[in-house]
Amino acid sequence: RHLWMLFDKKRFQEIKDFMAEDPDRATLRSGDGRGPMWWAYETCDEELVSWLEERYGLDPKTSDTDAKGLRPQDLCKRGLKKPRWRDSSQAAEVYNVLQGDANQIRQYFIANPSALQVRSED
């Protein structure tokens, strides 16, 4: 349950840290038959799916199914996307910038326009 909650909250660095403690967690399945690849597909995050494939050898096109007969790739109807933001470390950086004066904030966002898309789930 803990691992699913990390995926659900999109806490990617915590997912990586938690799974690094015990690589066998990559193949865990919950009571509904889902595991890390299913949860990664639920986020539709291309980088997370690729990371599970590269780091743990999980097959993103597996024919394995959950209790409802769904494969991981069935859970992302809109297709995998590169995330517009990553984890809360980016949000923390933007938060710290926003503590500065107006000129510093303006200069930061001129230099880093993609930071305008950063959001935090915290």
Protein backbone atom coordinates (compact mmCIF):
# COMPACT_ATOMS: atom_id res chain seq x y z
CA ARG A 1 0.00 0.00 0.00
CA HIS A 2 2.83 2.41 0.82
CA LEU A 3 4.35 2.08 -2.64
CA TRP A 4 1.01 2.66 -4.38
CA MET A 5 0.50 5.81 -2.31
CA LEU A 6 3.86 7.16 -3.50
CA PHE A 7 2.80 6.63 -7.11
CA ASP A 8 -0.63 8.11 -6.45
CA LYS A 9 0.92 11.25 -4.95
CA LYS A 10 3.53 11.39 -7.75
CA ARG A 11 6.45 11.37 -5.32
CA PHE A 12 8.97 10.12 -7.85
CA GLN A 13 12.14 10.57 -5.84
CA GLU A 14 10.58 8.75 -2.90
CA ILE A 15 9.51 5.92 -5.24
CA LYS A 16 13.08 5.58 -6.47
CA ASP A 17 14.51 5.66 -2.94
CA PHE A 18 11.96 3.18 -1.58
CA MET A 19 12.49 0.72 -4.42
CA ALA A 20 16.28 1.04 -4.20
CA GLU A 21 16.10 -0.24 -0.60
CA ASP A 22 14.72 -3.55 -1.90
CA PRO A 23 14.76 -4.14 -5.67
CA ASP A 24 12.25 -6.99 -5.27
CA ARG A 25 9.62 -4.32 -4.65
CA ALA A 26 9.56 -3.80 -8.43
CA THR A 27 7.71 -7.10 -8.81
CA LEU A 28 5.28 -6.71 -5.91
CA ARG A 29 1.58 -7.04 -6.63
CA SER A 30 -1.26 -5.65 -4.56
CA GLY A 31 -4.52 -7.45 -3.81
CA ASP A 32 -6.03 -6.23 -7.09
CA GLY A 33 -3.12 -7.71 -9.05
CA ARG A 34 -1.48 -4.39 -9.85
CA GLY A 35 2.10 -3.40 -9.23
CA PRO A 36 4.61 -0.66 -10.02
CA MET A 37 4.19 -0.77 -13.81
CA TRP A 38 0.40 -0.44 -13.50
CA TRP A 39 0.79 2.51 -11.14
CA ALA A 40 3.36 4.13 -13.41
CA TYR A 41 0.95 3.86 -16.34
CA GLU A 42 -1.79 5.41 -14.21
CA THR A 43 0.38 8.55 -14.01
CA CYS A 44 0.91 8.46 -17.83
CA ASP A 45 4.51 9.49 -17.10
CA GLU A 46 6.82 8.30 -19.88
CA GLU A 47 9.97 8.81 -17.81
CA LEU A 48 8.69 6.74 -14.89
CA VAL A 49 7.61 3.87 -17.15
CA SER A 50 11.02 3.96 -18.90
CA TRP A 51 12.83 4.07 -15.56
CA LEU A 52 11.02 0.91 -14.37
CA GLU A 53 11.92 -0.82 -17.62
CA GLU A 54 15.58 0.22 -17.60
CA ARG A 55 16.28 -0.09 -13.88
CA TYR A 56 14.22 -3.17 -13.01
CA GLY A 57 13.69 -4.87 -16.37
CA LEU A 58 9.91 -4.54 -16.21
CA ASP A 59 8.20 -4.94 -19.57
CA PRO A 60 6.01 -1.91 -20.32
CA LYS A 61 4.11 -3.94 -22.95
CA THR A 62 3.54 -6.95 -20.71
CA SER A 63 0.56 -9.18 -21.34
CA ASP A 64 0.16 -9.69 -17.58
CA THR A 65 -3.20 -8.51 -16.28
CA ASP A 66 -4.64 -7.35 -13.00
CA ALA A 67 -7.76 -8.80 -11.32
CA LYS A 68 -9.96 -6.91 -13.82
CA GLY A 69 -8.05 -8.22 -16.83
CA LEU A 70 -6.28 -4.89 -17.49
CA ARG A 71 -2.68 -4.66 -18.64
CA PRO A 72 -0.55 -1.74 -17.36
CA GLN A 73 -0.71 0.06 -20.73
CA ASP A 74 -4.54 -0.08 -20.59
CA LEU A 75 -4.49 2.40 -17.71
CA CYS A 76 -3.18 5.37 -19.69
CA LYS A 77 -5.76 6.07 -22.37
CA ARG A 78 -4.29 9.43 -23.39
CA GLY A 79 -0.82 7.99 -24.04
CA LEU A 80 2.44 8.45 -22.18
CA LYS A 81 3.71 12.00 -21.86
CA LYS A 82 6.88 13.62 -20.63
CA PRO A 83 5.96 15.34 -17.38
CA ARG A 84 5.80 19.13 -17.30
CA TRP A 85 7.22 19.01 -13.81
CA ARG A 86 9.11 16.47 -11.84
CA ASP A 87 9.08 16.20 -8.10
CA SER A 88 8.75 18.54 -5.17
CA SER A 89 12.43 19.58 -5.41
CA GLN A 90 11.54 21.72 -8.43
CA ALA A 91 8.55 23.14 -6.60
CA ALA A 92 10.80 23.89 -3.62
CA GLU A 93 13.22 25.77 -5.89
CA VAL A 94 10.41 27.92 -7.28
CA TYR A 95 9.07 28.48 -3.78
CA ASN A 96 12.48 29.73 -2.65
CA VAL A 97 12.70 32.08 -5.64
CA LEU A 98 9.28 33.49 -4.79
CA GLN A 99 10.63 34.53 -1.41
CA GLY A 100 12.93 37.05 -3.13
CA ASP A 101 12.19 40.53 -4.32
CA ALA A 102 10.16 41.23 -7.48
CA ASN A 103 13.25 41.84 -9.62
CA GLN A 104 14.82 38.49 -8.64
CA ILE A 105 11.54 36.71 -9.35
CA ARG A 106 11.19 38.36 -12.76
CA GLN A 107 14.78 37.52 -13.73
CA TYR A 108 14.39 33.91 -12.61
CA PHE A 109 11.28 33.33 -14.72
CA ILE A 110 12.78 35.08 -17.75
CA ALA A 111 15.78 32.74 -17.50
CA ASN A 112 13.62 29.69 -16.68
CA PRO A 113 10.27 30.03 -18.46
CA SER A 114 9.42 26.35 -17.99
CA ALA A 115 9.36 26.99 -14.23
CA LEU A 116 6.00 28.66 -14.79
CA GLN A 117 4.60 25.14 -15.26
CA VAL A 118 5.98 23.79 -11.98
CA ARG A 119 3.45 22.70 -9.43
CA SER A 120 3.60 20.81 -6.18
CA GLU A 121 1.35 18.04 -4.99
CA ASP A 122 2.37 18.84 -1.41
